[in-house]
Amino acid sequence: MACSLPSRRFLGALVLLPAATLIACDQAVGSASAASPSPAAQVAAAAPAQAAPPIQKARFNPAVAGSQGGVTSLAPLVDAVKGAVVNVEVRARPRRSAAMQRLPPGLAERFGLPPGFGGQGQGPARQGAGSGFIIDPSGIVLTNNHVVEDADRVRVKLDDGRAFDAEVMGRDPLTDVALLKLKDAPGNLPAVPLGDSDALRVGDAVMAIGNPFGLASSVSAGILSARAREIGASQYDDFLQTDAAINPGNSGGPLFNMKGEVVGMNTAIVGGATGIGFAVPSKLIQALLPQLKETGVVRRGWLGLSVQDLTPDLARALGLEAMKGAVVAGINRGSPSERAGLREEDVITSVNGEPVESAGGLTRTVALLQPDSRVKVDVLRGGKAQTLEVTLGTRPAMNGEEEVLPRNASASAPRRLGVQLTETRDGGAQVVAVEPGSPAERGGLIPGMVLVQVGDQKITSVADAAQALTSAKPGSALLLRVRTPGSDSTLLRAVEVPER
């Protein structure tokens, strides 16, 4: 769905909080210089953890907060919650295949591939560190997706020195939320509750704790600067803005209110600026948690249309008195919206009674609804109000988005072969990524190639390619006909189909 984006200059300054600094695994992880710390400080290896006494769930009573010199001290709040804030150390596989190095610079862009495919490949492995917080004494931890994506190993360190390996229970790249489960946790870990971010007002005091530049359990405080910020990260932007000091390594750390409740997860900063940080609101995290716990992925409701904000000029042109809503600019063929009778130039004003004030608001509202659910959509059509019933579909992965599989689900055929495909402009299937050491790489596939034929089946779309690859006999050698970048001729490639 369409939504307004910030200026290009602003987006250039906006950065996700990196998980400290990612470096090759064969390099030592050093500590920052005491005299002049590097902007990309590295996390020093921690000493062996010592046994710690059991810690009960963190509690904070604002009525007994201390004060010195007339200024309220946050020390009681820090003491109550810091035990639940953790460091997340990650060993991650590279995001690009070594095969991509064979593409000459500039060639990738000519064929619609992301810039950089022609550059130098990344090292064999990466390390980094971010933050997180425990939300259940059994060892359930929340952090950012960008901290743990591509992770081969995740190690979580507590404030008391204990450390646990962790598995990724679920991820949602579109909101940058990930859920971890600590292995062999004792069951009585300190935990912090999720609060109501909707109750926050601009100007309310907030506090952040995290692992900036590898400096564990660093505390900063400030106020809520703004709500519902759209920063161009995804269609589901609804960030809290704060001036509490947030830096690289704070990724995934909690933003607390003065009751000791987590009201946000620190995610992004504006590079080169101070006092501008963004956090995923706790209400959004709470809405995603059931799916992340149950299946490991988030499936969203989908209308299948494109919308834009209702502006005063559009309202006047459409003969409307309404000033808020989402104007339908296009309808996807065969989509839930088309089947329900929605039309272009309809103005959507509410969904299930919840007012819709903008295109982004409609996108977020529908995304939190379950696929296959029936909803009532109120529209203005030709100045007259109507109510339509729509059975929502499941939002598909859009171009360039990562598709996350449900936990314990079998990988699709392209994933098992180690190849990622995208639709070409003329409807073909183009290779955009090849996993190192995969059957696809061993078979000679490289990014930029277009699949023309798989076995006996001609390929006209990604769906065709997926179906042909799925139907191939496990353990067989599958013959592919491919077209290489910059050439109209085709080549033959043989790829071994892995066992299911």
Protein backbone atom coordinates (compact mmCIF):
# COMPACT_ATOMS: atom_id res chain seq x y z
CA MET A 1 0.00 0.00 0.00
CA ALA A 2 1.21 3.45 -0.73
CA CYS A 3 2.40 5.68 2.05
CA SER A 4 4.24 8.98 2.32
CA LEU A 5 8.00 8.70 2.88
CA PRO A 6 10.51 11.07 4.49
CA SER A 7 12.89 13.10 2.38
CA ARG A 8 15.83 11.32 0.76
CA ARG A 9 18.17 13.43 2.88
CA PHE A 10 16.52 12.20 6.09
CA LEU A 11 16.55 8.56 5.01
CA GLY A 12 20.24 8.88 4.21
CA ALA A 13 20.89 9.85 7.81
CA LEU A 14 18.63 7.19 9.32
CA VAL A 15 20.34 3.98 10.35
CA LEU A 16 19.31 0.84 12.16
CA LEU A 17 21.28 0.43 15.35
CA PRO A 18 23.96 -2.08 14.35
CA ALA A 19 24.65 -4.99 16.63
CA ALA A 20 27.82 -3.24 17.84
CA THR A 21 30.31 -3.91 15.03
CA LEU A 22 30.20 -6.93 12.75
CA ILE A 23 33.65 -8.38 12.02
CA ALA A 24 35.11 -11.55 10.55
CA CYS A 25 35.07 -14.47 12.98
CA ASP A 26 38.73 -15.21 12.42
CA GLN A 27 39.58 -11.79 13.88
CA ALA A 28 39.88 -11.24 17.61
CA VAL A 29 37.13 -9.21 19.25
CA GLY A 30 38.97 -6.37 21.00
CA SER A 31 37.95 -3.79 23.51
CA ALA A 32 37.63 -0.10 22.82
CA SER A 33 40.59 2.16 23.51
CA ALA A 34 40.32 3.91 26.83
CA ALA A 35 41.80 7.11 25.44
CA SER A 36 39.66 7.52 22.32
CA PRO A 37 37.02 4.86 21.79
CA SER A 38 36.38 3.88 18.18
CA PRO A 39 32.93 4.73 16.80
CA ALA A 40 32.62 1.01 16.09
CA ALA A 41 33.74 -0.25 19.46
CA GLN A 42 34.11 -4.02 19.71
CA VAL A 43 32.86 -6.16 22.56
CA ALA A 44 35.55 -7.69 24.77
CA ALA A 45 35.30 -11.39 25.54
CA ALA A 46 33.61 -11.83 28.90
CA ALA A 47 35.18 -13.77 31.75
CA PRO A 48 33.60 -17.09 32.70
CA ALA A 49 30.27 -16.52 34.43
CA GLN A 50 30.12 -17.14 38.15
CA ALA A 51 27.23 -18.75 39.91
CA ALA A 52 24.63 -16.20 40.98
CA PRO A 53 21.83 -16.45 43.52
CA PRO A 54 18.30 -16.82 42.15
CA ILE A 55 16.78 -13.52 41.11
CA GLN A 56 13.10 -12.82 41.43
CA LYS A 57 11.00 -10.95 38.89
CA ALA A 58 11.96 -7.29 38.81
CA ARG A 59 9.58 -4.94 40.58
CA PHE A 60 9.65 -1.20 41.03
CA ASN A 61 7.55 0.99 43.28
CA PRO A 62 7.62 4.62 42.11
CA ALA A 63 6.23 5.73 45.45
CA VAL A 64 9.51 4.89 47.15
CA ALA A 65 11.85 6.32 44.50
CA GLY A 66 14.77 8.08 46.12
CA SER A 67 15.69 11.72 45.72
CA GLN A 68 18.83 13.76 46.22
CA GLY A 69 18.94 17.54 46.28
CA GLY A 70 15.32 17.79 45.16
CA VAL A 71 16.03 15.81 41.95
CA THR A 72 14.30 12.44 41.76
CA SER A 73 16.80 9.62 41.45
CA LEU A 74 16.25 6.81 38.94
CA ALA A 75 18.52 4.48 40.92
CA PRO A 76 15.64 2.44 42.43
CA LEU A 77 14.16 1.97 38.97
CA VAL A 78 17.52 0.93 37.51
CA ASP A 79 18.12 -1.53 40.36
CA ALA A 80 14.67 -3.07 39.84
CA VAL A 81 14.90 -3.69 36.08
CA LYS A 82 18.52 -3.91 34.95
CA GLY A 83 18.78 -7.62 35.81
CA ALA A 84 16.33 -8.39 32.99
CA VAL A 85 18.33 -6.47 30.35
CA VAL A 86 20.76 -8.71 28.47
CA ASN A 87 23.59 -8.56 25.96
CA VAL A 88 23.01 -10.54 22.77
CA GLU A 89 26.16 -11.82 21.08
CA VAL A 90 25.77 -13.23 17.59
CA ARG A 91 27.82 -15.24 15.18
CA ALA A 92 26.21 -14.77 11.76
CA ARG A 93 26.73 -16.17 8.30
CA PRO A 94 27.42 -13.73 5.45
CA ARG A 95 24.46 -12.23 3.62
CA ARG A 96 26.05 -12.59 0.20
CA SER A 97 27.41 -15.54 -1.70
CA ALA A 98 31.05 -15.65 -2.71
CA ALA A 99 29.73 -16.41 -6.20
CA MET A 100 28.54 -12.82 -6.39
CA GLN A 101 32.13 -11.65 -6.65
CA ARG A 102 32.17 -12.91 -10.22
CA LEU A 103 29.80 -10.14 -11.35
CA PRO A 104 31.73 -7.12 -12.74
CA PRO A 105 31.00 -3.77 -11.05
CA GLY A 106 27.98 -2.02 -12.57
CA LEU A 107 26.60 -5.16 -14.18
CA ALA A 108 24.19 -5.91 -11.33
CA GLU A 109 22.37 -2.59 -11.66
CA ARG A 110 21.88 -3.14 -15.40
CA PHE A 111 19.81 -6.23 -14.68
CA GLY A 112 17.71 -4.87 -11.83
CA LEU A 113 19.77 -6.43 -9.02
CA PRO A 114 20.50 -4.50 -5.81
CA PRO A 115 23.58 -2.26 -6.01
CA GLY A 116 26.68 -3.90 -4.59
CA PHE A 117 26.33 -7.32 -6.20
CA GLY A 118 29.38 -6.46 -8.24
CA GLY A 119 31.50 -5.41 -5.26
CA GLN A 120 33.75 -7.35 -2.97
CA GLY A 121 32.17 -10.28 -1.13
CA GLN A 122 31.96 -10.46 2.62
CA GLY A 123 34.11 -12.64 4.83
CA PRO A 124 33.16 -16.16 5.83
CA ALA A 125 31.45 -15.18 9.07
CA ARG A 126 30.56 -12.14 11.17
CA GLN A 127 30.26 -11.34 14.86
CA GLY A 128 28.30 -8.66 16.60
CA ALA A 129 26.54 -7.69 19.79
CA GLY A 130 23.26 -6.03 20.61
CA SER A 131 20.78 -5.84 23.47
CA GLY A 132 17.59 -7.53 24.59
CA PHE A 133 15.32 -8.04 27.59
CA ILE A 134 13.72 -11.00 29.33
CA ILE A 135 9.91 -10.98 29.34
CA ASP A 136 9.35 -14.39 30.97
CA PRO A 137 11.29 -16.03 33.85
CA SER A 138 11.57 -19.22 31.77
CA GLY A 139 14.01 -17.41 29.49
CA ILE A 140 11.98 -15.72 26.71
CA VAL A 141 13.89 -12.72 25.34
CA LEU A 142 12.87 -9.94 22.97
CA THR A 143 15.40 -8.25 20.68
CA ASN A 144 15.62 -6.76 17.19
CA ASN A 145 15.39 -8.91 14.08
CA HIS A 146 18.42 -7.19 12.56
CA VAL A 147 20.50 -8.29 15.56
CA VAL A 148 19.89 -12.02 15.03
CA GLU A 149 19.03 -12.47 11.34
CA ASP A 150 21.40 -14.90 9.58
CA ALA A 151 22.61 -16.03 13.01
CA ASP A 152 24.45 -19.35 13.30
CA ARG A 153 24.87 -18.96 17.05
CA VAL A 154 23.29 -16.65 19.61
CA ARG A 155 24.74 -16.21 23.11
CA VAL A 156 22.88 -14.18 25.74
CA LYS A 157 24.68 -12.69 28.75
CA LEU A 158 22.86 -11.48 31.86
CA ASP A 159 23.80 -8.56 34.05
CA ASP A 160 24.85 -10.94 36.85
CA GLY A 161 27.46 -12.65 34.62
CA ARG A 162 25.53 -15.78 33.67
CA ALA A 163 25.41 -16.68 29.99
CA PHE A 164 23.18 -18.99 27.94
CA ASP A 165 23.02 -20.15 24.36
CA ALA A 166 19.74 -19.18 22.72
CA GLU A 167 17.62 -20.26 19.78
CA VAL A 168 15.61 -17.90 17.60
CA MET A 169 11.95 -18.71 18.23
CA GLY A 170 10.56 -16.25 15.72
CA ARG A 171 11.34 -13.19 13.62
CA ASP A 172 9.40 -10.42 11.91
CA PRO A 173 11.65 -8.37 9.59
CA LEU A 174 8.91 -5.84 8.78
CA THR A 175 8.71 -4.58 12.38
CA ASP A 176 12.29 -5.59 13.32
CA VAL A 177 11.13 -7.80 16.22
CA ALA A 178 12.66 -11.16 17.16
CA LEU A 179 11.95 -13.65 19.96
CA LEU A 180 14.64 -15.81 21.59
CA LYS A 181 14.49 -18.79 23.94
CA LEU A 182 17.39 -19.36 26.33
CA LYS A 183 18.62 -22.95 26.47
CA ASP A 184 18.89 -24.67 29.86
CA ALA A 185 17.63 -21.59 31.70
CA PRO A 186 16.73 -22.20 35.38
CA GLY A 187 13.17 -20.85 35.12
CA ASN A 188 13.50 -18.07 37.71
CA LEU A 189 15.23 -15.40 35.65
CA PRO A 190 14.50 -11.72 36.24
CA ALA A 191 11.83 -10.47 33.85
CA VAL A 192 10.20 -7.16 33.01
CA PRO A 193 6.58 -6.60 31.92
CA LEU A 194 5.40 -4.98 28.69
CA GLY A 195 3.48 -1.79 29.41
CA ASP A 196 0.93 0.23 27.45
CA SER A 197 2.75 2.44 24.96
CA ASP A 198 -0.58 4.01 23.97
CA ALA A 199 -0.79 5.54 27.45
CA LEU A 200 2.44 7.50 26.92
CA ARG A 201 2.20 11.21 26.32
CA VAL A 202 4.77 13.38 24.59
CA GLY A 203 6.95 14.75 27.37
CA ASP A 204 6.66 11.69 29.63
CA ALA A 205 9.96 10.52 31.14
CA VAL A 206 11.55 7.36 29.72
CA MET A 207 14.74 5.41 30.42
CA ALA A 208 16.85 3.17 28.15
CA ILE A 209 19.22 0.39 29.19
CA GLY A 210 21.44 -1.48 26.75
CA ASN A 211 24.83 -2.44 25.40
CA PRO A 212 26.07 0.58 23.39
CA PHE A 213 29.53 0.00 21.88
CA GLY A 214 29.85 -3.09 24.08
CA LEU A 215 29.46 -1.09 27.31
CA ALA A 216 27.10 -3.42 29.14
CA SER A 217 24.17 -2.15 31.24
CA SER A 218 24.53 1.47 30.17
CA VAL A 219 21.64 3.65 31.35
CA SER A 220 20.31 6.83 29.76
CA ALA A 221 17.16 8.86 30.37
CA GLY A 222 15.06 11.43 28.56
CA ILE A 223 11.52 12.05 27.44
CA LEU A 224 9.16 10.80 24.78
CA SER A 225 9.73 13.24 21.94
CA ALA A 226 7.00 12.12 19.53
CA ARG A 227 4.64 9.27 18.72
CA ALA A 228 3.62 7.39 15.55
CA ARG A 229 6.72 8.35 13.59
CA GLU A 230 6.95 7.05 10.01
CA ILE A 231 10.64 6.87 9.07
CA GLY A 232 10.48 4.80 5.88
CA ALA A 233 11.68 1.55 7.47
CA SER A 234 8.60 -0.39 6.29
CA GLN A 235 4.88 0.02 5.64
CA TYR A 236 4.24 -0.65 9.32
CA ASP A 237 6.20 2.24 10.83
CA ASP A 238 4.64 3.46 14.08
CA PHE A 239 7.74 4.37 16.07
CA LEU A 240 8.14 6.15 19.36
CA GLN A 241 10.75 8.92 19.22
CA THR A 242 12.91 9.68 22.25
CA ASP A 243 15.84 11.89 23.16
CA ALA A 244 17.24 9.32 25.61
CA ALA A 245 20.80 8.57 24.49
CA ILE A 246 20.69 5.56 22.13
CA ASN A 247 23.76 4.33 20.25
CA PRO A 248 24.98 1.37 18.18
CA GLY A 249 24.66 -1.73 20.35
CA ASN A 250 21.44 -0.51 21.98
CA SER A 251 19.54 -2.46 19.30
CA GLY A 252 16.85 -4.58 20.88
CA GLY A 253 17.17 -2.98 24.31
CA PRO A 254 14.18 -1.78 26.34
CA LEU A 255 12.74 1.69 26.73
CA PHE A 256 11.09 1.94 30.17
CA ASN A 257 8.44 4.19 31.61
CA MET A 258 8.75 5.32 35.21
CA LYS A 259 6.73 2.33 36.43
CA GLY A 260 9.42 -0.08 35.29
CA GLU A 261 7.37 -1.29 32.31
CA VAL A 262 8.81 -1.71 28.82
CA VAL A 263 7.04 0.70 26.49
CA GLY A 264 9.35 0.30 23.49
CA MET A 265 12.24 -1.59 21.91
CA ASN A 266 15.11 0.63 20.75
CA THR A 267 15.69 0.11 17.03
CA ALA A 268 17.00 3.03 14.98
CA ILE A 269 18.81 6.36 15.25
CA VAL A 270 19.42 9.30 12.99
CA GLY A 271 23.09 9.18 12.03
CA GLY A 272 25.11 12.28 12.73
CA ALA A 273 22.48 13.65 15.11
CA THR A 274 21.98 13.54 18.85
CA GLY A 275 18.79 13.06 20.77
CA ILE A 276 16.84 11.39 17.94
CA GLY A 277 16.18 7.69 18.49
CA PHE A 278 13.28 5.41 17.60
CA ALA A 279 11.66 2.48 19.38
CA VAL A 280 9.06 -0.13 18.37
CA PRO A 281 6.03 0.50 20.64
CA SER A 282 5.15 -2.19 23.15
CA LYS A 283 1.52 -2.39 21.99
CA LEU A 284 2.70 -3.50 18.55
CA ILE A 285 5.07 -6.05 20.08
CA GLN A 286 2.23 -7.44 22.21
CA ALA A 287 0.11 -7.89 19.09
CA LEU A 288 2.88 -9.90 17.38
CA LEU A 289 3.90 -12.08 20.34
CA PRO A 290 1.21 -14.79 20.05
CA GLN A 291 2.18 -15.61 16.46
CA LEU A 292 5.92 -15.44 17.15
CA LYS A 293 5.54 -17.83 20.08
CA GLU A 294 3.24 -20.25 18.25
CA THR A 295 4.67 -20.40 14.72
CA GLY A 296 7.75 -18.20 14.66
CA VAL A 297 6.41 -15.94 11.90
CA VAL A 298 3.83 -13.18 11.53
CA ARG A 299 1.05 -13.57 8.97
CA ARG A 300 -0.87 -10.39 8.20
CA GLY A 301 -4.30 -9.60 6.87
CA TRP A 302 -4.35 -8.28 3.29
CA LEU A 303 -6.86 -6.28 1.28
CA GLY A 304 -4.94 -6.32 -2.01
CA LEU A 305 -5.11 -2.66 -2.98
CA SER A 306 -2.99 0.47 -3.09
CA VAL A 307 -4.05 3.57 -1.20
CA GLN A 308 -2.94 7.11 -0.53
CA ASP A 309 -3.78 9.78 2.00
CA LEU A 310 -6.95 11.81 1.53
CA THR A 311 -5.66 15.37 1.11
CA PRO A 312 -7.81 18.53 1.03
CA ASP A 313 -7.24 18.79 -2.73
CA LEU A 314 -8.29 15.17 -3.31
CA ALA A 315 -11.33 15.60 -1.08
CA ARG A 316 -12.40 18.64 -3.07
CA ALA A 317 -11.86 16.84 -6.39
CA LEU A 318 -13.90 13.87 -5.15
CA GLY A 319 -16.66 16.14 -3.85
CA LEU A 320 -16.18 15.11 -0.23
CA GLU A 321 -16.37 17.01 3.01
CA ALA A 322 -14.28 14.40 4.83
CA MET A 323 -10.69 15.38 5.57
CA LYS A 324 -9.30 12.05 6.79
CA GLY A 325 -9.21 8.63 5.21
CA ALA A 326 -7.40 6.43 2.68
CA VAL A 327 -8.19 6.82 -1.02
CA VAL A 328 -8.17 3.61 -3.06
CA ALA A 329 -5.76 4.23 -5.93
CA GLY A 330 -5.67 0.71 -7.36
CA ILE A 331 -7.15 -2.76 -6.89
CA ASN A 332 -5.15 -5.97 -7.34
CA ARG A 333 -6.78 -8.39 -9.76
CA GLY A 334 -8.38 -11.31 -7.93
CA SER A 335 -7.70 -9.73 -4.53
CA PRO A 336 -10.03 -9.72 -1.49
CA SER A 337 -10.87 -6.08 -2.26
CA GLU A 338 -11.95 -6.84 -5.81
CA ARG A 339 -14.09 -9.78 -4.69
CA ALA A 340 -15.77 -7.59 -2.04
CA GLY A 341 -16.63 -4.87 -4.54
CA LEU A 342 -14.22 -2.11 -3.53
CA ARG A 343 -13.51 0.35 -6.33
CA GLU A 344 -10.87 2.88 -7.22
CA GLU A 345 -11.58 6.35 -5.76
CA ASP A 346 -13.44 4.82 -2.81
CA VAL A 347 -12.37 6.52 0.43
CA ILE A 348 -11.94 4.05 3.31
CA THR A 349 -12.91 5.74 6.58
CA SER A 350 -12.96 2.82 9.05
CA VAL A 351 -12.28 -0.91 9.43
CA ASN A 352 -14.40 -2.82 11.95
CA GLY A 353 -15.39 0.50 13.47
CA GLU A 354 -11.80 1.71 13.96
CA PRO A 355 -11.31 5.08 12.23
CA VAL A 356 -8.85 5.24 9.34
CA GLU A 357 -7.09 8.59 9.16
CA SER A 358 -4.38 7.87 6.58
CA ALA A 359 -3.03 5.29 4.15
CA GLY A 360 -0.42 4.20 6.69
CA GLY A 361 -3.07 3.86 9.37
CA LEU A 362 -5.12 1.57 7.13
CA THR A 363 -2.06 -0.56 6.36
CA ARG A 364 -1.23 -1.01 10.06
CA THR A 365 -4.83 -1.70 11.07
CA VAL A 366 -5.38 -4.41 8.45
CA ALA A 367 -1.96 -5.97 9.12
CA LEU A 368 -2.91 -6.67 12.74
CA LEU A 369 -6.03 -8.58 11.67
CA GLN A 370 -6.00 -12.31 11.06
CA PRO A 371 -5.99 -13.62 7.48
CA ASP A 372 -9.34 -15.17 6.43
CA SER A 373 -11.22 -13.03 8.94
CA ARG A 374 -14.31 -11.09 7.79
CA VAL A 375 -14.19 -7.35 8.40
CA LYS A 376 -16.54 -4.45 7.79
CA VAL A 377 -15.02 -1.68 5.71
CA ASP A 378 -16.77 1.70 5.69
CA VAL A 379 -16.23 3.73 2.52
CA LEU A 380 -17.35 6.96 0.92
CA ARG A 381 -18.29 6.41 -2.71
CA GLY A 382 -19.48 9.41 -4.68
CA GLY A 383 -20.07 11.22 -1.41
CA LYS A 384 -22.33 8.48 -0.02
CA ALA A 385 -21.42 6.20 2.87
CA GLN A 386 -21.41 2.44 2.30
CA THR A 387 -20.31 -0.59 4.30
CA LEU A 388 -18.71 -3.59 2.58
CA GLU A 389 -17.77 -6.95 4.05
CA VAL A 390 -14.31 -8.20 3.08
CA THR A 391 -12.72 -11.58 3.77
CA LEU A 392 -9.07 -10.75 4.25
CA GLY A 393 -6.33 -12.63 2.45
CA THR A 394 -2.78 -13.33 3.63
CA ARG A 395 -0.29 -10.65 2.77
CA PRO A 396 2.34 -12.06 0.39
CA ALA A 397 6.03 -11.19 0.58
CA MET A 398 6.69 -8.19 -1.65
CA ASN A 399 9.69 -7.72 -3.95
CA GLY A 400 12.88 -7.43 -1.95
CA GLU A 401 11.34 -8.63 1.32
CA GLU A 402 12.73 -11.57 3.23
CA GLU A 403 10.33 -14.50 3.48
CA VAL A 404 10.51 -16.07 6.94
CA LEU A 405 9.41 -19.70 7.22
CA PRO A 406 7.28 -20.97 10.12
CA ARG A 407 9.22 -22.75 12.85
CA ASN A 408 9.93 -26.42 12.04
CA ALA A 409 8.49 -25.99 8.52
CA SER A 410 10.20 -27.66 5.60
CA ALA A 411 12.04 -25.24 3.37
CA SER A 412 10.64 -24.57 -0.09
CA ALA A 413 12.40 -26.15 -3.06
CA PRO A 414 14.30 -22.97 -4.02
CA ARG A 415 15.50 -22.58 -0.43
CA ARG A 416 16.61 -26.22 -0.26
CA LEU A 417 18.59 -25.68 -3.46
CA GLY A 418 20.12 -22.53 -1.95
CA VAL A 419 18.78 -20.06 -4.50
CA GLN A 420 16.59 -16.97 -4.13
CA LEU A 421 14.45 -15.95 -7.10
CA THR A 422 12.59 -12.80 -8.08
CA GLU A 423 10.14 -11.95 -10.82
CA THR A 424 11.59 -10.21 -13.88
CA ARG A 425 9.79 -7.42 -15.69
CA ASP A 426 8.65 -9.79 -18.43
CA GLY A 427 7.49 -12.46 -15.96
CA GLY A 428 10.54 -14.70 -15.76
CA ALA A 429 12.44 -16.01 -12.73
CA GLN A 430 15.80 -14.40 -12.03
CA VAL A 431 18.42 -15.56 -9.55
CA VAL A 432 19.16 -12.80 -7.01
CA ALA A 433 21.15 -14.74 -4.38
CA VAL A 434 22.99 -18.06 -4.14
CA GLU A 435 23.89 -19.58 -0.78
CA PRO A 436 27.57 -20.53 -0.40
CA GLY A 437 28.12 -24.29 -0.58
CA SER A 438 24.56 -24.97 -1.73
CA PRO A 439 23.49 -27.29 -4.58
CA ALA A 440 22.75 -24.18 -6.65
CA GLU A 441 26.30 -22.86 -6.22
CA ARG A 442 27.82 -26.26 -6.96
CA GLY A 443 25.68 -26.41 -10.09
CA GLY A 444 27.10 -23.12 -11.37
CA LEU A 445 24.18 -20.77 -10.77
CA ILE A 446 25.11 -17.14 -10.12
CA PRO A 447 23.06 -14.01 -9.41
CA GLY A 448 21.71 -12.42 -12.57
CA MET A 449 20.95 -15.68 -14.37
CA VAL A 450 17.37 -16.14 -15.58
CA LEU A 451 15.75 -19.60 -15.46
CA VAL A 452 14.36 -20.37 -18.91
CA GLN A 453 13.55 -24.04 -18.42
CA VAL A 454 13.56 -26.50 -15.50
CA GLY A 455 13.52 -30.09 -16.67
CA ASP A 456 10.87 -30.19 -19.40
CA GLN A 457 8.92 -27.19 -18.10
CA LYS A 458 9.23 -23.73 -19.63
CA ILE A 459 9.53 -21.01 -16.98
CA THR A 460 7.48 -17.81 -17.22
CA SER A 461 7.29 -16.85 -13.53
CA VAL A 462 8.74 -17.53 -10.10
CA ALA A 463 5.67 -19.66 -9.37
CA ASP A 464 6.48 -21.82 -12.41
CA ALA A 465 10.07 -22.24 -11.22
CA ALA A 466 9.04 -23.13 -7.66
CA GLN A 467 6.53 -25.70 -8.91
CA ALA A 468 9.05 -27.30 -11.26
CA LEU A 469 11.77 -27.44 -8.62
CA THR A 470 9.37 -28.86 -6.03
CA SER A 471 8.21 -31.65 -8.34
CA ALA A 472 11.79 -32.76 -9.09
CA LYS A 473 12.73 -36.16 -7.68
CA PRO A 474 14.92 -35.90 -4.53
CA GLY A 475 18.45 -37.08 -5.16
CA SER A 476 18.19 -36.60 -8.92
CA ALA A 477 20.28 -34.32 -11.13
CA LEU A 478 17.96 -31.62 -12.48
CA LEU A 479 18.73 -30.09 -15.87
CA LEU A 480 18.28 -26.32 -16.06
CA ARG A 481 18.41 -24.03 -19.05
CA VAL A 482 19.52 -20.54 -18.04
CA ARG A 483 20.18 -17.22 -19.71
CA THR A 484 23.25 -15.34 -18.50
CA PRO A 485 23.42 -11.58 -17.88
CA GLY A 486 24.11 -9.57 -21.03
CA SER A 487 23.40 -12.46 -23.39
CA ASP A 488 20.42 -13.80 -25.31
CA SER A 489 21.93 -17.26 -25.57
CA THR A 490 21.20 -20.02 -23.06
CA LEU A 491 23.41 -22.45 -21.17
CA LEU A 492 22.76 -25.78 -19.50
CA ARG A 493 23.31 -26.33 -15.80
CA ALA A 494 22.83 -29.47 -13.71
CA VAL A 495 21.78 -29.11 -10.07
CA GLU A 496 21.53 -31.96 -7.59
CA VAL A 497 18.14 -32.02 -5.86
CA PRO A 498 18.66 -32.56 -2.10
CA GLU A 499 16.74 -35.12 -0.14
CA ARG A 500 13.65 -33.74 1.61
